[in-house]
């Protein structure tokens, strides 16, 4: 499984994400915030409200926005 187990805000639209397989790293989501559900996340104060949903196994925001853990995992590993 590629479930996210921890997330921390780093700066701008960058998050540090840790997966249950032990992999971790930073991912810049600046170019990923497209569409109506992601519009509120363009406000940094709202973006910082990110948290891990143990039910979904990924990161989520209060408005219901989420990003697939597979997408985050791939972006971390291609950034290295």
N, C-alpha and C. Protein backbone atom coordinates (compact mmCIF):
# COMPACT_ATOMS: atom_id res chain seq x y z
N UNK A 1 0.84 -1.20 0.00
CA UNK A 1 0.00 0.00 0.00
C UNK A 1 0.88 1.25 0.00
N UNK A 2 0.33 2.28 -0.56
CA UNK A 2 1.03 3.55 -0.62
C UNK A 2 0.35 4.59 0.25
N UNK A 3 -0.19 4.18 1.37
CA UNK A 3 -0.89 5.13 2.23
C UNK A 3 0.07 6.17 2.80
N UNK A 4 -0.42 7.41 2.85
CA UNK A 4 0.30 8.50 3.48
C UNK A 4 0.07 8.39 4.98
N UNK A 5 1.15 8.53 5.77
CA UNK A 5 1.01 8.44 7.23
C UNK A 5 1.36 9.74 7.93
N UNK A 6 1.98 10.68 7.20
CA UNK A 6 2.34 11.97 7.81
C UNK A 6 2.49 13.02 6.72
N UNK A 7 2.14 14.23 7.05
CA UNK A 7 2.30 15.35 6.12
C UNK A 7 2.64 16.60 6.92
N UNK A 8 3.50 17.43 6.34
CA UNK A 8 3.87 18.71 6.98
C UNK A 8 3.97 19.77 5.90
N UNK A 9 3.51 20.94 6.25
CA UNK A 9 3.66 22.09 5.36
C UNK A 9 5.12 22.53 5.39
N UNK A 10 5.71 22.81 4.22
CA UNK A 10 7.09 23.25 4.14
C UNK A 10 7.15 24.74 3.82
N UNK A 11 6.65 25.12 2.65
CA UNK A 11 6.61 26.53 2.22
C UNK A 11 5.78 26.62 0.96
N UNK A 12 5.32 27.79 0.65
CA UNK A 12 4.53 28.03 -0.56
C UNK A 12 3.52 26.89 -0.74
N UNK A 13 3.65 26.11 -1.82
CA UNK A 13 2.77 24.97 -2.07
C UNK A 13 3.52 23.65 -1.98
N UNK A 14 4.54 23.65 -1.13
CA UNK A 14 5.37 22.46 -0.95
C UNK A 14 5.00 21.76 0.35
N UNK A 15 4.79 20.45 0.25
CA UNK A 15 4.50 19.62 1.41
C UNK A 15 5.55 18.52 1.53
N UNK A 16 5.86 18.14 2.76
CA UNK A 16 6.68 16.96 3.03
C UNK A 16 5.69 15.84 3.35
N UNK A 17 5.84 14.72 2.67
CA UNK A 17 4.91 13.60 2.82
C UNK A 17 5.68 12.33 3.15
N UNK A 18 5.15 11.54 4.08
CA UNK A 18 5.75 10.26 4.44
C UNK A 18 4.72 9.15 4.20
N UNK A 19 5.21 8.05 3.61
CA UNK A 19 4.36 6.91 3.29
C UNK A 19 4.63 5.75 4.22
N UNK A 20 3.67 4.83 4.30
CA UNK A 20 3.82 3.69 5.19
C UNK A 20 4.95 2.75 4.77
N UNK A 21 5.41 2.86 3.52
CA UNK A 21 6.54 2.03 3.08
C UNK A 21 7.89 2.62 3.50
N UNK A 22 7.84 3.76 4.22
CA UNK A 22 9.05 4.40 4.72
C UNK A 22 9.58 5.49 3.81
N UNK A 23 9.10 5.56 2.59
CA UNK A 23 9.58 6.62 1.70
C UNK A 23 8.98 7.96 2.13
N UNK A 24 9.73 9.00 1.86
CA UNK A 24 9.30 10.35 2.23
C UNK A 24 9.99 11.35 1.34
N UNK A 25 9.42 12.54 1.28
CA UNK A 25 10.04 13.59 0.50
C UNK A 25 9.10 14.77 0.32
N UNK A 26 9.62 15.76 -0.37
CA UNK A 26 8.84 16.97 -0.62
C UNK A 26 8.21 16.93 -2.00
N UNK A 27 7.01 17.48 -2.06
CA UNK A 27 6.30 17.57 -3.33
C UNK A 27 5.72 18.98 -3.46
N UNK A 28 5.97 19.59 -4.61
CA UNK A 28 5.46 20.93 -4.89
C UNK A 28 4.16 20.78 -5.67
N UNK A 29 3.07 21.24 -5.09
CA UNK A 29 1.76 21.09 -5.71
C UNK A 29 1.28 22.35 -6.42
N UNK A 30 2.15 23.32 -6.60
CA UNK A 30 1.76 24.60 -7.21
C UNK A 30 1.07 24.42 -8.56
N UNK A 31 1.56 23.52 -9.38
CA UNK A 31 0.97 23.34 -10.71
C UNK A 31 -0.18 22.34 -10.72
N UNK A 32 -0.48 21.76 -9.59
CA UNK A 32 -1.54 20.74 -9.51
C UNK A 32 -2.87 21.29 -9.03
N UNK A 33 -2.92 22.53 -8.63
CA UNK A 33 -4.12 23.09 -8.02
C UNK A 33 -5.05 23.68 -9.09
N UNK A 34 -5.60 22.79 -9.91
CA UNK A 34 -6.51 23.22 -10.98
C UNK A 34 -7.89 22.63 -10.74
N UNK A 35 -8.90 23.36 -11.11
CA UNK A 35 -10.27 22.91 -10.95
C UNK A 35 -10.92 23.52 -9.73
N UNK A 36 -12.24 23.51 -9.70
CA UNK A 36 -13.00 24.17 -8.62
C UNK A 36 -12.68 23.68 -7.22
N UNK A 37 -12.47 22.38 -7.03
CA UNK A 37 -12.23 21.85 -5.68
C UNK A 37 -10.87 22.33 -5.13
N UNK A 38 -9.93 22.63 -6.03
CA UNK A 38 -8.61 23.07 -5.60
C UNK A 38 -8.47 24.59 -5.50
N UNK A 39 -9.47 25.33 -5.95
CA UNK A 39 -9.41 26.80 -5.93
C UNK A 39 -9.13 27.35 -4.53
N UNK A 40 -9.82 26.88 -3.48
CA UNK A 40 -9.54 27.41 -2.14
C UNK A 40 -8.10 27.16 -1.67
N UNK A 41 -7.45 26.12 -2.19
CA UNK A 41 -6.09 25.79 -1.77
C UNK A 41 -5.06 26.79 -2.27
N UNK A 42 -5.44 27.62 -3.22
CA UNK A 42 -4.51 28.64 -3.72
C UNK A 42 -4.25 29.71 -2.68
N UNK A 43 -5.11 29.77 -1.67
CA UNK A 43 -4.90 30.65 -0.52
C UNK A 43 -4.02 29.87 0.47
N UNK A 44 -2.83 30.38 0.71
CA UNK A 44 -1.84 29.65 1.54
C UNK A 44 -2.40 29.26 2.90
N UNK A 45 -3.14 30.15 3.53
CA UNK A 45 -3.70 29.83 4.86
C UNK A 45 -4.58 28.58 4.79
N UNK A 46 -5.33 28.43 3.71
CA UNK A 46 -6.17 27.25 3.55
C UNK A 46 -5.32 26.04 3.18
N UNK A 47 -4.34 26.23 2.30
CA UNK A 47 -3.45 25.14 1.90
C UNK A 47 -2.76 24.52 3.11
N UNK A 48 -2.40 25.35 4.08
CA UNK A 48 -1.71 24.87 5.28
C UNK A 48 -2.59 23.97 6.15
N UNK A 49 -3.87 23.93 5.90
CA UNK A 49 -4.79 23.10 6.70
C UNK A 49 -4.79 21.63 6.27
N UNK A 50 -3.83 21.26 5.45
CA UNK A 50 -3.70 19.88 4.99
C UNK A 50 -3.55 18.93 6.18
N UNK A 51 -4.10 17.74 6.03
CA UNK A 51 -3.96 16.71 7.06
C UNK A 51 -4.03 15.35 6.38
N UNK A 52 -3.69 14.31 7.13
CA UNK A 52 -3.77 12.95 6.62
C UNK A 52 -5.12 12.37 7.01
N UNK A 53 -5.79 11.78 6.04
CA UNK A 53 -7.01 11.02 6.30
C UNK A 53 -6.63 9.55 6.37
N UNK A 54 -6.73 8.96 7.56
CA UNK A 54 -6.40 7.54 7.68
C UNK A 54 -7.43 6.68 6.94
N UNK A 55 -8.63 7.19 6.78
CA UNK A 55 -9.67 6.46 6.04
C UNK A 55 -9.33 6.37 4.56
N UNK A 56 -8.83 7.47 4.00
CA UNK A 56 -8.50 7.51 2.57
C UNK A 56 -7.05 7.14 2.28
N UNK A 57 -6.19 7.26 3.29
CA UNK A 57 -4.79 6.95 3.11
C UNK A 57 -4.03 8.00 2.31
N UNK A 58 -4.53 9.21 2.36
CA UNK A 58 -3.86 10.29 1.63
C UNK A 58 -4.10 11.62 2.32
N UNK A 59 -3.61 12.70 1.69
CA UNK A 59 -3.78 14.03 2.25
C UNK A 59 -5.11 14.62 1.80
N UNK A 60 -5.71 15.40 2.71
CA UNK A 60 -7.00 16.02 2.43
C UNK A 60 -7.03 17.43 3.02
N UNK A 61 -8.00 18.20 2.55
CA UNK A 61 -8.24 19.54 3.06
C UNK A 61 -9.69 19.64 3.52
N UNK A 62 -10.02 20.64 4.34
CA UNK A 62 -11.37 20.76 4.90
C UNK A 62 -12.50 20.81 3.87
N UNK A 63 -12.22 21.25 2.64
CA UNK A 63 -13.29 21.33 1.63
C UNK A 63 -13.50 20.01 0.88
N UNK A 64 -12.77 18.96 1.27
CA UNK A 64 -12.94 17.66 0.62
C UNK A 64 -11.93 17.38 -0.48
N UNK A 65 -11.07 18.34 -0.79
CA UNK A 65 -10.04 18.13 -1.81
C UNK A 65 -9.04 17.10 -1.30
N UNK A 66 -8.57 16.26 -2.20
CA UNK A 66 -7.53 15.29 -1.86
C UNK A 66 -6.70 15.01 -3.10
N UNK A 67 -5.55 14.41 -2.90
CA UNK A 67 -4.67 14.02 -3.99
C UNK A 67 -4.32 12.56 -3.79
N UNK A 68 -4.44 11.78 -4.85
CA UNK A 68 -4.19 10.34 -4.77
C UNK A 68 -2.79 10.06 -4.23
N UNK A 69 -2.66 9.11 -3.32
CA UNK A 69 -1.35 8.80 -2.76
C UNK A 69 -0.37 8.32 -3.83
N UNK A 70 -0.88 7.63 -4.85
CA UNK A 70 0.00 7.16 -5.93
C UNK A 70 0.64 8.34 -6.67
N UNK A 71 -0.12 9.40 -6.85
CA UNK A 71 0.39 10.60 -7.51
C UNK A 71 1.49 11.23 -6.68
N UNK A 72 1.26 11.36 -5.38
CA UNK A 72 2.26 11.94 -4.49
C UNK A 72 3.52 11.09 -4.46
N UNK A 73 3.35 9.79 -4.35
CA UNK A 73 4.47 8.86 -4.29
C UNK A 73 5.32 8.96 -5.56
N UNK A 74 4.66 8.98 -6.70
CA UNK A 74 5.39 9.08 -7.97
C UNK A 74 6.15 10.40 -8.08
N UNK A 75 5.51 11.49 -7.67
CA UNK A 75 6.17 12.80 -7.78
C UNK A 75 7.36 12.91 -6.85
N UNK A 76 7.30 12.28 -5.69
CA UNK A 76 8.44 12.30 -4.78
C UNK A 76 9.59 11.50 -5.38
N UNK A 77 9.30 10.36 -5.96
CA UNK A 77 10.36 9.51 -6.48
C UNK A 77 10.92 9.99 -7.81
N UNK A 78 10.17 10.76 -8.57
CA UNK A 78 10.70 11.30 -9.82
C UNK A 78 11.47 12.59 -9.57
N UNK A 79 11.24 13.22 -8.40
CA UNK A 79 11.95 14.46 -8.05
C UNK A 79 13.36 14.18 -7.54
N UNK A 80 13.60 12.95 -7.12
CA UNK A 80 14.91 12.59 -6.53
C UNK A 80 15.95 12.39 -7.62
